[in-house]
Protein backbone atom coordinates (compact mmCIF):
# COMPACT_ATOMS: atom_id res chain seq x y z
CA MET A 1 222.14 96.94 -6.02
CA ASN A 2 222.28 97.12 -2.35
CA ARG A 3 220.94 94.89 0.00
CA ILE A 4 217.65 96.33 0.66
CA HIS A 5 216.68 95.58 -3.22
CA TYR A 6 217.65 92.25 -2.78
CA ILE A 7 215.73 91.57 0.67
CA LEU A 8 212.68 93.44 -1.16
CA GLY A 9 213.06 90.81 -4.53
CA ILE A 10 213.17 87.85 -2.25
CA LEU A 11 210.15 89.12 -0.07
CA LEU A 12 207.99 89.25 -2.96
CA VAL A 13 209.12 86.08 -4.41
CA GLY A 14 208.40 84.55 -0.99
CA ILE A 15 204.58 86.26 -1.50
CA GLY A 16 204.40 84.96 -4.85
CA ILE A 17 204.62 81.65 -3.76
CA LEU A 18 202.58 81.71 -1.11
CA PHE A 19 199.82 83.22 -3.59
CA LEU A 20 200.46 80.17 -5.81
CA PHE A 21 200.32 77.59 -3.30
CA SER A 22 197.26 78.93 -2.08
CA ASN A 23 195.98 78.87 -5.19
CA PHE A 24 196.59 75.30 -5.84
CA GLY A 25 195.28 74.33 -2.70
CA PHE A 26 198.47 73.61 -0.81
CA ILE A 27 198.07 76.06 1.82
CA GLU A 28 194.84 78.30 2.77
CA ILE A 29 194.94 82.28 3.00
CA SER A 30 192.02 84.24 4.18
CA TRP A 31 192.08 87.63 2.78
CA LYS A 32 189.18 88.44 5.14
CA TYR A 33 192.35 88.50 8.24
CA LEU A 34 195.31 89.57 5.52
CA TRP A 35 193.90 92.78 3.33
CA PRO A 36 195.10 95.15 6.20
CA LEU A 37 198.47 94.25 5.56
CA PHE A 38 198.00 95.93 2.33
CA LEU A 39 198.25 99.24 4.00
CA LEU A 40 200.42 97.81 7.14
CA VAL A 41 203.10 97.13 4.98
CA PRO A 42 203.41 100.05 2.75
CA GLY A 43 203.14 102.35 5.69
CA ILE A 44 205.75 100.68 8.01
CA LEU A 45 207.89 100.61 4.52
CA PHE A 46 207.76 104.30 4.16
CA GLU A 47 208.62 104.87 7.74
CA PHE A 48 211.99 102.52 7.22
CA GLY A 49 212.43 104.37 4.17
CA PHE A 50 213.12 107.60 5.88
CA PHE A 51 214.99 106.01 8.92
CA ILE A 52 217.11 103.76 6.46
CA TYR A 53 218.14 106.70 4.24
CA ARG A 54 217.02 109.81 6.15
CA LYS A 55 216.84 111.64 2.75
CA ASP A 56 213.04 112.68 2.40
CA ALA A 57 211.19 113.15 5.60
CA GLY A 58 207.98 113.50 3.72
CA LEU A 59 207.75 109.72 3.39
CA LEU A 60 206.72 109.76 7.01
CA VAL A 61 203.57 111.30 6.41
CA PRO A 62 202.25 108.26 4.44
CA GLY A 63 204.20 106.08 6.72
CA GLY A 64 202.23 107.67 9.41
CA ILE A 65 198.83 107.38 7.90
CA LEU A 66 198.93 103.88 6.05
CA THR A 67 200.45 102.57 9.46
CA THR A 68 197.83 104.23 11.59
CA TYR A 69 194.75 102.89 8.86
CA GLY A 70 196.36 99.40 8.67
CA LEU A 71 196.19 98.88 12.49
CA LEU A 72 192.75 100.10 12.36
CA PHE A 73 191.57 97.69 10.16
CA LEU A 74 193.72 95.00 11.76
CA ALA A 75 192.33 95.63 14.78
CA ASN A 76 188.49 95.42 13.24
CA VAL A 77 188.97 92.29 11.34
CA ILE A 78 190.35 90.51 14.31
CA TYR A 79 188.09 91.97 16.92
CA GLY A 80 184.97 92.80 14.58
CA TRP A 81 183.32 95.73 12.77
CA GLN A 82 181.48 96.76 15.47
CA LEU A 83 184.61 98.51 16.93
CA MET A 84 184.34 101.14 14.17
CA GLU A 85 181.52 102.92 15.55
CA PHE A 86 183.96 103.91 18.51
CA LEU A 87 187.41 104.08 16.65
CA TRP A 88 186.23 105.75 13.36
CA PRO A 89 187.87 109.33 14.93
CA LEU A 90 191.28 107.46 14.26
CA PHE A 91 190.81 108.29 10.67
CA LEU A 92 191.53 111.87 11.71
CA LEU A 93 194.39 111.33 14.01
CA GLY A 94 196.36 109.23 11.45
CA VAL A 95 196.81 112.29 9.26
CA ALA A 96 197.72 114.02 12.90
CA ILE A 97 200.24 111.29 13.51
CA GLY A 98 201.68 111.34 9.59
CA LEU A 99 202.07 115.43 9.74
CA PHE A 100 203.75 115.12 13.29
CA HIS A 101 206.69 112.59 12.13
CA LEU A 102 207.14 115.16 9.58
CA TYR A 103 207.59 117.80 12.13
CA LEU A 104 209.63 115.48 14.48
CA PHE A 105 212.10 114.20 12.04
CA GLY A 106 211.81 116.81 9.27
CA GLU A 107 212.84 120.63 9.93
CA ARG A 108 210.67 121.34 12.60
CA GLU A 109 208.52 123.78 10.56
CA LYS A 110 206.52 125.04 13.73
CA GLY A 111 203.29 125.97 11.45
CA LEU A 112 202.80 121.67 11.28
CA LEU A 113 201.70 122.10 14.73
CA ILE A 114 198.72 123.92 13.97
CA PRO A 115 196.92 121.21 11.84
CA VAL A 116 198.55 118.59 14.05
CA GLY A 117 196.80 120.22 17.03
CA ILE A 118 193.31 120.61 15.57
CA ILE A 119 193.11 117.37 13.92
CA SER A 120 194.37 115.26 17.03
CA LEU A 121 191.81 117.41 19.76
CA ILE A 122 188.91 116.71 16.88
CA SER A 123 189.87 113.39 17.04
CA LEU A 124 190.57 112.82 20.52
CA PHE A 125 187.20 114.53 21.11
CA PHE A 126 184.89 112.50 19.27
CA LEU A 127 187.18 109.36 20.85
CA ALA A 128 186.48 110.72 24.32
CA ASP A 129 182.89 111.41 23.51
CA HIS A 130 182.36 107.34 23.29
CA PHE A 131 184.23 106.56 26.71
CA ILE A 132 182.69 109.02 28.95
CA THR A 133 178.93 109.18 30.39
CA MET A 134 178.29 113.05 29.02
CA HIS A 135 176.43 113.54 26.32
CA PHE A 136 178.47 114.99 23.14
CA GLY A 137 175.81 118.07 22.90
CA PHE A 138 176.38 118.90 26.52
CA ILE A 139 180.33 118.69 26.11
CA ALA A 140 180.14 120.79 22.30
CA GLY A 141 178.04 123.30 23.91
CA ILE A 142 180.23 123.91 26.78
CA VAL A 143 183.31 124.29 24.48
CA PHE A 144 181.63 126.41 21.86
CA ILE A 145 180.44 129.02 25.05
CA LEU A 146 184.17 128.95 26.15
CA VAL A 147 185.77 129.78 22.54
CA GLY A 148 182.83 132.29 22.16
CA LEU A 149 183.47 134.29 25.57
CA GLY A 150 187.18 133.97 24.74
CA ILE A 151 186.93 135.44 21.46
CA ILE A 152 184.54 138.45 23.46
CA VAL A 153 186.97 139.00 25.91
CA LYS A 154 190.07 139.41 23.45
CA GLN A 155 187.94 141.84 21.56
CA VAL A 156 186.91 143.80 24.44
CA GLN A 157 190.77 144.00 25.94
CA SER A 158 191.79 145.05 22.32
CA ARG A 159 189.89 148.28 22.47
């Protein structure tokens, strides 16, 4: 058994002891603040799993997603759930981060950059909508017009 298994075993025993102490009233653990760690810790472990063993870059996808979601929920638990009104696009960005990790540390498949770019742009578009003064419909209208004109011009040029 290697060292990482000993560390994991000791960590789990320590967590179990904390839960028992909480159950018997020796200490108080507030689940209200700790539950995001059930996403954050596995996400970080997936990330470390790849960087320690360097075998399966696929571990980075759930690692990036769970770490992003864990941090998002932790921020909401600490600062209030009203943040979710503005930060919900980070759910999309979490997927893009996971896929981008796979691209960076995997086999550098260029095809991964397409969904990463699309998902990131959609996420950043909705994040920016909350932080700029223009209305969403105005921005969306301009984007659709520009994309439509680009398609038309490309078709005209190809003839």
